[in-house]
Amino acid sequence: PLHIAATKGCLNAIQVLVEMGANINCVDANGNTPLHWACLYGQDDVIDELIASGACINALNRTGITPLHYAAASKSGTPALEVLMRHKDNLSINSRDKRGRTPLHLAAKFGKISRLLDLFRYGADLTAVDDNQMSALHYAAKEGHFAVIETLIAQPNIDLKAEDRNGSNVLHYACIFKREDVGLKLVEKCPYLVNSTNCDLKTPLHIAAANGLYNLTHKLLLAGASVTASDINNHTPSLCCAKNSDVAECLMIIETVMIMEEMNKKSSLDGEENTTFSPNPRESRHSLLNGVCTQLFTNSSFESTRSSLERSSFDDDKSFEDARQSFGNSGSGSPQCLIDRKSPLNSSIPVTKIVANNHNTNDTATNKKMEANDSDFY
C-alpha cells in the first residue's frame, strides 16, 4: 500500500500507514522503495514526508538505481530533484548503478537539460564514465540530444575527446547511431574530431559512409576528412559503404580528386610545371569537390559544369581538359579513371567491384551489441 500511495501522491494515506507501523523502506520485487516510486512520478510533497519519516535517501534497487537516478531522468522528475537537493548533505550525487551510470548519465540519456544544470550546480562529476567508459556526452550523442551536448560543451573541464572502451568519441557515436543532425553540428563545433580514430582505426567518415549518411559524409569531406585512412582491416571509407551507392559514388569521386592531387604533388617533386590546380591547393580541392559532387548527384552532364569549374578550379582550358580526360566525358557521372583503377588489395579487381561486394559487417554487429547493452532503466 505504501508504494501505491507514494506513486499517487496520497500524502494523508502515507501518514496514516506510517503511524500504523508500515516499513518506510519496504521494497517491491525490483528492490524499489516508496521513495523510488515518489521520485519516478515526481510526487514532491510525498518525497519530503517520506524523508522526514526516515526513508533512506540513497537506497539502491536491484539494479543499483537510487531515487536520485529516477528524479534525474523520469518524465516527471524535475520537482522530485529539487526536493532531493534540499537534502544534499546526505545525498550521493554521483552514486553509480550496476552499470556504472550516475544520475548525470541518465539525465543526458533522456535529454533533461534543466536537471543537468541542477546536477552541475550541486557538484555532479562531469568526467564520470560508466562501465563501458561512456561519458554523459556519449549518452547524449547516442540518443540524438544535441541541446544536451551544447549544454555539456559549455561546462568547464569537459573532455570533448573522451573515448569509450572502444576508443569512440562523441562524433563516432553520432555516426554509429545515425544521428546525422547531431553529427553535422559536431563537425562545426569540434572540427578536430574529424580524423579521430577508434580502437579499430575507424574515423567518423568510415562509419558515416557505412551507415549511408550522405549529408554527414559530405560535411566530413569538406572539413578535411581523409579518404585514404585505413582501418584495422586496411579498409578505406569507400570500402565500408557497399550497400550505399550514393555515398560510394561520392567517395570514389573524392578519391579521384585525391589521385589528381597526388599526381600534381609528384609532378612538382619532379620539377614539372603545375598545370592541374590553381595556386591554392585547398581552395582547388574544395571547389573541385563541390563541383564534381554536385554534377554527380544531379545526373547532369560533365560539360554542364565546365564553366564554373573552369573559373574556380583551373588556370586555363588546357588544365581543365587534362582534368576532364582524367574524369572521362561519358556524361554518366562515373569517372573513367575510377572504373579502370585497380584495387591496392587485389590488382585484378576494379575498385567499383570491390565497393559493390565488400561490406564490413563489424559495424552492424557493434551497433546491435551497444543497443542491447543500453536498454531503458525502467
Protein backbone atom coordinates (compact mmCIF):
# COMPACT_ATOMS: atom_id res chain seq x y z
CA PRO A 1 0.00 0.00 0.00
CA LEU A 2 2.82 2.42 0.80
CA HIS A 3 4.27 2.10 -2.72
CA ILE A 4 0.87 2.83 -4.28
CA ALA A 5 0.30 5.82 -2.02
CA ALA A 6 3.75 7.18 -2.96
CA THR A 7 3.06 6.73 -6.66
CA LYS A 8 -0.31 8.51 -6.47
CA GLY A 9 0.89 11.28 -4.18
CA CYS A 10 -1.54 10.34 -1.39
CA LEU A 11 0.12 12.22 1.46
CA ASN A 12 -2.61 11.52 4.04
CA ALA A 13 -2.54 7.81 3.27
CA ILE A 14 1.23 7.71 3.76
CA GLN A 15 0.95 9.49 7.12
CA VAL A 16 -1.70 7.02 8.30
CA LEU A 17 0.30 4.00 7.11
CA VAL A 18 3.45 5.24 8.84
CA GLU A 19 1.51 5.82 12.08
CA MET A 20 0.23 2.25 11.82
CA GLY A 21 3.81 0.97 11.65
CA ALA A 22 4.39 0.49 7.92
CA ASN A 23 8.05 -0.02 6.98
CA ILE A 24 9.08 3.23 5.30
CA ASN A 25 11.89 1.42 3.44
CA CYS A 26 9.94 -1.64 2.30
CA VAL A 27 10.85 -2.83 -1.21
CA ASP A 28 8.93 -4.23 -4.16
CA ALA A 29 10.02 -7.11 -6.41
CA ASN A 30 12.61 -4.88 -8.11
CA GLY A 31 14.02 -3.51 -4.89
CA ASN A 32 12.32 -0.12 -5.21
CA THR A 33 11.32 1.70 -2.04
CA PRO A 34 8.34 4.07 -1.79
CA LEU A 35 10.86 6.92 -2.20
CA HIS A 36 11.98 5.45 -5.54
CA TRP A 37 8.39 5.50 -6.78
CA ALA A 38 7.71 9.00 -5.48
CA CYS A 39 10.79 10.30 -7.34
CA LEU A 40 9.91 8.43 -10.52
CA TYR A 41 6.48 10.05 -10.60
CA GLY A 42 7.53 13.48 -9.32
CA GLN A 43 5.48 13.48 -6.12
CA ASP A 44 7.42 16.21 -4.33
CA ASP A 45 5.11 16.57 -1.29
CA VAL A 46 5.32 12.84 -0.67
CA ILE A 47 9.12 12.86 -1.01
CA ASP A 48 9.50 15.35 1.83
CA GLU A 49 7.16 13.31 4.04
CA LEU A 50 8.96 10.04 3.30
CA ILE A 51 12.39 11.52 4.05
CA ALA A 52 11.08 13.13 7.24
CA SER A 53 9.72 9.72 8.26
CA GLY A 54 13.13 8.06 7.83
CA ALA A 55 13.23 6.93 4.20
CA CYS A 56 16.74 6.09 3.00
CA ILE A 57 17.59 8.83 0.50
CA ASN A 58 20.34 6.77 -1.16
CA ALA A 59 18.53 3.42 -1.25
CA LEU A 60 19.58 1.10 -4.10
CA ASN A 61 17.17 -1.11 -6.03
CA ARG A 62 18.20 -4.41 -7.62
CA THR A 63 20.00 -2.64 -10.49
CA GLY A 64 21.73 -0.10 -8.26
CA ILE A 65 19.36 2.75 -9.16
CA THR A 66 18.82 5.36 -6.44
CA PRO A 67 15.85 7.74 -6.07
CA LEU A 68 18.12 10.46 -7.49
CA HIS A 69 18.66 8.43 -10.69
CA TYR A 70 14.90 8.34 -11.19
CA ALA A 71 14.47 12.02 -10.40
CA ALA A 72 17.22 12.94 -12.90
CA ALA A 73 15.74 11.01 -15.79
CA SER A 74 12.00 10.44 -15.45
CA LYS A 75 9.32 12.45 -17.26
CA SER A 76 8.05 13.96 -14.01
CA GLY A 77 11.30 14.14 -12.09
CA THR A 78 12.01 17.88 -12.01
CA PRO A 79 10.15 18.69 -8.76
CA ALA A 80 11.50 15.49 -7.22
CA LEU A 81 15.07 16.54 -7.99
CA GLU A 82 14.52 19.94 -6.41
CA VAL A 83 13.23 18.34 -3.20
CA LEU A 84 16.09 15.84 -3.04
CA MET A 85 18.62 18.65 -3.47
CA ARG A 86 17.32 20.23 -0.27
CA HIS A 87 18.84 17.22 1.44
CA LYS A 88 22.11 17.43 -0.48
CA ASP A 89 24.26 16.94 2.60
CA ASN A 90 23.04 13.35 2.81
CA LEU A 91 22.69 12.79 -0.93
CA SER A 92 25.15 10.75 -3.01
CA ILE A 93 25.01 12.88 -6.15
CA ASN A 94 27.50 10.70 -8.04
CA SER A 95 26.05 7.35 -6.96
CA ARG A 96 26.51 4.62 -9.60
CA ASP A 97 24.12 1.88 -10.65
CA LYS A 98 25.31 -1.64 -11.50
CA ARG A 99 26.39 -0.45 -14.96
CA GLY A 100 28.38 2.43 -13.54
CA ARG A 101 25.92 5.14 -14.55
CA THR A 102 25.48 8.24 -12.43
CA PRO A 103 22.33 10.40 -12.33
CA LEU A 104 24.14 12.75 -14.75
CA HIS A 105 24.45 9.94 -17.31
CA LEU A 106 20.72 9.28 -17.18
CA ALA A 107 19.78 12.96 -17.37
CA ALA A 108 21.90 13.19 -20.55
CA LYS A 109 20.45 9.96 -21.95
CA PHE A 110 16.88 11.18 -21.56
CA GLY A 111 17.57 14.77 -22.64
CA LYS A 112 16.77 16.52 -19.35
CA ILE A 113 18.65 19.81 -19.71
CA SER A 114 17.28 21.65 -16.66
CA ARG A 115 18.13 18.69 -14.47
CA LEU A 116 21.62 18.53 -15.95
CA LEU A 117 22.14 22.13 -14.88
CA ASP A 118 20.83 21.36 -11.38
CA LEU A 119 23.21 18.42 -11.09
CA PHE A 120 26.13 20.61 -12.24
CA ARG A 121 25.21 23.21 -9.64
CA TYR A 122 25.29 20.65 -6.86
CA GLY A 123 28.60 19.09 -7.84
CA ALA A 124 27.91 16.25 -10.28
CA ASP A 125 31.11 14.86 -11.80
CA LEU A 126 31.29 15.83 -15.49
CA THR A 127 34.15 13.41 -16.10
CA ALA A 128 32.33 10.35 -14.75
CA VAL A 129 32.20 7.34 -17.07
CA ASP A 130 30.22 4.12 -16.81
CA ASP A 131 31.49 0.55 -17.08
CA ASN A 132 31.81 0.97 -20.86
CA GLN A 133 33.77 4.21 -20.39
CA MET A 134 30.80 6.17 -21.74
CA SER A 135 30.53 9.77 -20.57
CA ALA A 136 27.41 11.94 -20.47
CA LEU A 137 28.48 13.24 -23.90
CA HIS A 138 28.35 9.72 -25.33
CA TYR A 139 24.83 9.17 -23.99
CA ALA A 140 23.61 12.48 -25.40
CA ALA A 141 25.11 11.75 -28.83
CA LYS A 142 23.70 8.24 -28.89
CA GLU A 143 20.18 9.48 -28.22
CA GLY A 144 20.47 12.48 -30.55
CA HIS A 145 20.20 15.22 -27.90
CA PHE A 146 22.34 18.00 -29.37
CA ALA A 147 20.92 20.57 -26.94
CA VAL A 148 22.31 18.42 -24.13
CA ILE A 149 25.67 18.24 -25.91
CA GLU A 150 25.75 22.04 -26.20
CA THR A 151 24.96 22.31 -22.50
CA LEU A 152 27.78 19.90 -21.66
CA ILE A 153 30.24 21.63 -24.00
CA ALA A 154 29.59 24.94 -22.23
CA GLN A 155 30.76 23.50 -18.91
CA PRO A 156 34.35 23.97 -17.75
CA ASN A 157 36.67 20.97 -17.71
CA ILE A 158 34.54 18.94 -20.13
CA ASP A 159 36.62 16.49 -22.19
CA LEU A 160 35.28 16.64 -25.74
CA LYS A 161 37.75 13.97 -26.82
CA ALA A 162 36.55 11.46 -24.23
CA GLU A 163 36.55 7.90 -25.58
CA ASP A 164 34.56 4.83 -24.58
CA ARG A 165 36.20 1.44 -24.13
CA ASN A 166 36.23 1.00 -27.92
CA GLY A 167 38.02 4.31 -28.42
CA SER A 168 34.94 6.03 -29.86
CA ASN A 169 34.30 9.70 -29.14
CA VAL A 170 31.12 11.77 -29.36
CA LEU A 171 31.39 12.22 -33.15
CA HIS A 172 31.89 8.49 -33.66
CA TYR A 173 28.69 7.93 -31.66
CA ALA A 174 26.68 10.33 -33.80
CA CYS A 175 27.80 8.31 -36.83
CA ILE A 176 27.32 4.87 -35.23
CA PHE A 177 23.77 5.60 -34.12
CA LYS A 178 22.84 7.53 -37.29
CA ARG A 179 22.26 10.84 -35.54
CA GLU A 180 23.08 12.83 -38.67
CA ASP A 181 21.84 16.22 -37.42
CA VAL A 182 23.99 15.87 -34.31
CA GLY A 183 26.96 14.81 -36.42
CA LEU A 184 26.64 17.81 -38.73
CA LYS A 185 26.66 20.20 -35.79
CA LEU A 186 29.54 18.41 -34.09
CA VAL A 187 31.70 18.76 -37.20
CA GLU A 188 31.21 22.53 -36.93
CA LYS A 189 31.72 22.66 -33.16
CA CYS A 190 34.58 20.15 -32.93
CA PRO A 191 36.43 20.01 -36.29
CA TYR A 192 39.45 18.46 -34.57
CA LEU A 193 37.47 15.22 -34.19
CA VAL A 194 37.03 14.76 -37.96
CA ASN A 195 40.03 12.45 -38.39
CA SER A 196 39.99 10.86 -34.94
CA THR A 197 40.18 7.06 -34.85
CA ASN A 198 38.76 4.44 -32.51
CA CYS A 199 40.34 1.13 -31.48
CA ASP A 200 39.54 -0.32 -34.92
CA LEU A 201 41.22 2.73 -36.52
CA LYS A 202 37.86 3.81 -37.92
CA THR A 203 37.33 7.51 -38.48
CA PRO A 204 33.88 9.11 -38.34
CA LEU A 205 33.96 9.03 -42.16
CA HIS A 206 34.32 5.22 -42.18
CA ILE A 207 31.20 4.89 -40.03
CA ALA A 208 29.13 7.62 -41.70
CA ALA A 209 29.81 6.04 -45.09
CA ALA A 210 28.91 2.56 -43.84
CA ASN A 211 25.61 3.87 -42.48
CA GLY A 212 24.68 5.80 -45.63
CA LEU A 213 24.76 9.23 -44.01
CA TYR A 214 25.33 11.22 -47.20
CA ASN A 215 24.98 14.74 -45.78
CA LEU A 216 27.33 13.94 -42.92
CA THR A 217 29.75 12.20 -45.28
CA HIS A 218 29.87 15.28 -47.49
CA LYS A 219 30.30 17.56 -44.46
CA LEU A 220 33.17 15.45 -43.15
CA LEU A 221 34.87 15.54 -46.54
CA LEU A 222 34.60 19.31 -46.74
CA ALA A 223 36.03 19.52 -43.23
CA GLY A 224 39.13 17.64 -44.35
CA ALA A 225 38.29 14.02 -43.54
CA SER A 226 40.83 11.66 -45.05
CA VAL A 227 39.50 9.36 -47.78
CA THR A 228 42.70 7.30 -47.67
CA ALA A 229 42.63 6.48 -43.95
CA SER A 230 42.72 2.72 -43.41
CA ASP A 231 41.04 0.92 -40.53
CA ILE A 232 42.36 -2.19 -38.79
CA ASN A 233 41.21 -4.30 -41.75
CA ASN A 234 43.01 -1.99 -44.19
CA HIS A 235 39.68 -0.67 -45.47
CA THR A 236 39.33 2.92 -46.59
CA PRO A 237 35.97 4.67 -46.11
CA SER A 238 34.90 3.78 -49.66
CA LEU A 239 35.17 0.07 -48.84
CA CYS A 240 32.80 0.48 -45.89
CA CYS A 241 29.81 1.70 -47.86
CA ALA A 242 28.97 -1.11 -50.28
CA LYS A 243 25.23 -1.01 -49.63
CA ASN A 244 25.04 2.76 -50.08
CA SER A 245 25.73 3.59 -53.69
CA ASP A 246 25.26 7.34 -53.23
CA VAL A 247 28.00 7.59 -50.61
CA ALA A 248 30.17 5.14 -52.52
CA GLU A 249 29.97 7.28 -55.65
CA CYS A 250 30.77 10.43 -53.70
CA LEU A 251 33.76 8.82 -52.05
CA MET A 252 35.04 7.46 -55.35
CA ILE A 253 34.82 10.92 -56.86
CA ILE A 254 36.80 12.33 -53.95
CA GLU A 255 39.37 9.56 -54.28
CA THR A 256 39.75 10.61 -57.89
CA VAL A 257 40.44 14.15 -56.74
CA MET A 258 42.98 12.80 -54.28
CA ILE A 259 44.68 10.86 -57.06
CA MET A 260 44.91 14.04 -59.09
CA GLU A 261 46.38 15.87 -56.11
CA GLU A 262 48.92 13.12 -55.65
CA MET A 263 49.84 13.29 -59.33
CA ASN A 264 50.19 17.05 -59.01
CA LYS A 265 52.44 16.64 -55.98
CA LYS A 266 54.58 14.12 -57.82
CA SER A 267 54.88 16.45 -60.79
CA SER A 268 56.05 19.24 -58.50
CA LEU A 269 58.69 17.00 -56.96
CA ASP A 270 59.86 16.03 -60.44
CA GLY A 271 60.22 19.68 -61.34
CA GLU A 272 57.34 19.75 -63.81
CA GLU A 273 55.04 22.72 -64.14
CA ASN A 274 51.89 22.63 -62.02
CA THR A 275 49.06 22.58 -64.54
CA THR A 276 46.34 20.73 -62.67
CA PHE A 277 45.28 23.00 -59.82
CA SER A 278 45.22 26.68 -59.03
CA PRO A 279 47.94 28.13 -56.77
CA ASN A 280 45.87 27.46 -53.64
CA PRO A 281 45.51 23.64 -53.36
CA ARG A 282 42.99 23.84 -50.53
CA GLU A 283 40.69 26.14 -52.49
CA SER A 284 41.11 23.99 -55.57
CA ARG A 285 40.14 20.82 -53.78
CA HIS A 286 37.15 22.49 -52.13
CA SER A 287 35.89 23.91 -55.43
CA LEU A 288 36.52 20.74 -57.38
CA LEU A 289 34.85 18.61 -54.70
CA ASN A 290 31.72 20.74 -54.72
CA GLY A 291 31.57 20.92 -58.49
CA VAL A 292 32.09 17.22 -59.13
CA CYS A 293 29.75 16.04 -56.35
CA THR A 294 27.04 18.44 -57.49
CA GLN A 295 27.23 17.18 -61.05
CA LEU A 296 27.23 13.54 -59.94
CA PHE A 297 24.18 13.80 -57.70
CA THR A 298 22.12 15.85 -60.13
CA ASN A 299 22.93 13.48 -63.03
CA SER A 300 23.77 16.40 -65.29
CA SER A 301 26.46 16.07 -67.93
CA PHE A 302 30.02 16.93 -67.09
CA GLU A 303 30.00 19.66 -69.69
CA SER A 304 27.17 21.49 -67.89
CA THR A 305 29.52 22.39 -65.04
CA ARG A 306 32.51 23.21 -67.22
CA SER A 307 32.18 26.97 -66.94
CA SER A 308 32.03 27.11 -63.12
CA LEU A 309 34.81 24.55 -62.73
CA GLU A 310 36.95 26.44 -65.22
CA ARG A 311 36.69 29.62 -63.18
CA SER A 312 37.03 28.13 -59.69
CA SER A 313 39.45 25.25 -60.06
CA PHE A 314 41.62 25.55 -63.16
CA ASP A 315 44.02 28.07 -64.53
CA ASP A 316 43.15 27.65 -68.21
CA ASP A 317 41.36 25.48 -70.76
CA LYS A 318 44.30 23.11 -71.07
CA SER A 319 44.27 22.41 -67.32
CA PHE A 320 40.54 21.82 -67.46
CA GLU A 321 40.83 19.49 -70.44
CA ASP A 322 43.53 17.48 -68.66
CA ALA A 323 41.23 17.07 -65.67
CA ARG A 324 38.26 16.26 -67.88
CA GLN A 325 40.21 13.49 -69.57
CA SER A 326 41.02 12.08 -66.13
CA PHE A 327 37.34 12.05 -65.18
CA GLY A 328 36.08 10.85 -68.53
CA ASN A 329 33.38 12.60 -70.53
CA SER A 330 30.67 9.99 -70.89
CA GLY A 331 28.07 12.15 -69.13
CA SER A 332 27.12 9.17 -66.97
CA GLY A 333 28.58 10.54 -63.77
CA SER A 334 31.08 7.64 -63.48
CA PRO A 335 34.71 8.75 -63.76
CA GLN A 336 36.55 6.58 -66.26
CA CYS A 337 39.78 6.66 -64.28
CA LEU A 338 37.98 5.04 -61.35
CA ILE A 339 36.42 2.34 -63.45
CA ASP A 340 39.85 1.42 -64.76
CA ARG A 341 41.72 1.84 -61.48
CA LYS A 342 42.74 -1.36 -59.70
CA SER A 343 42.36 -2.03 -56.02
CA PRO A 344 45.57 -1.95 -53.97
CA LEU A 345 44.24 -5.04 -52.20
CA ASN A 346 43.86 -7.08 -55.35
CA SER A 347 45.21 -5.72 -58.61
CA SER A 348 42.85 -7.86 -60.67
CA ILE A 349 39.64 -6.47 -59.18
CA PRO A 350 38.42 -2.95 -60.03
CA VAL A 351 37.57 -0.67 -57.14
CA THR A 352 33.95 -0.42 -58.30
CA LYS A 353 33.52 -4.18 -57.91
CA ILE A 354 35.15 -4.21 -54.51
CA VAL A 355 32.84 -1.43 -53.32
CA ALA A 356 29.87 -3.37 -54.63
CA ASN A 357 30.84 -6.64 -52.98
CA ASN A 358 32.70 -5.80 -49.79
CA HIS A 359 30.64 -4.69 -46.84
CA ASN A 360 32.21 -4.77 -43.41
CA THR A 361 29.54 -6.19 -41.08
CA ASN A 362 31.56 -5.45 -37.96
CA ASP A 363 29.90 -2.03 -37.58
CA THR A 364 26.42 -3.58 -37.71
CA ALA A 365 27.36 -6.15 -35.09
CA THR A 366 28.86 -3.43 -32.90
CA ASN A 367 25.69 -1.32 -33.18
CA LYS A 368 23.47 -4.24 -32.13
CA LYS A 369 25.76 -5.05 -29.23
CA MET A 370 25.75 -1.48 -27.97
CA GLU A 371 21.97 -1.20 -28.33
CA ALA A 372 21.46 -4.45 -26.42
CA ASN A 373 23.64 -3.18 -23.57
CA ASP A 374 21.74 0.07 -23.16
CA SER A 375 18.08 -0.73 -22.58
CA ASP A 376 15.94 1.70 -20.62
CA PHE A 377 16.43 1.54 -16.88
CA TYR A 378 12.74 1.11 -16.11
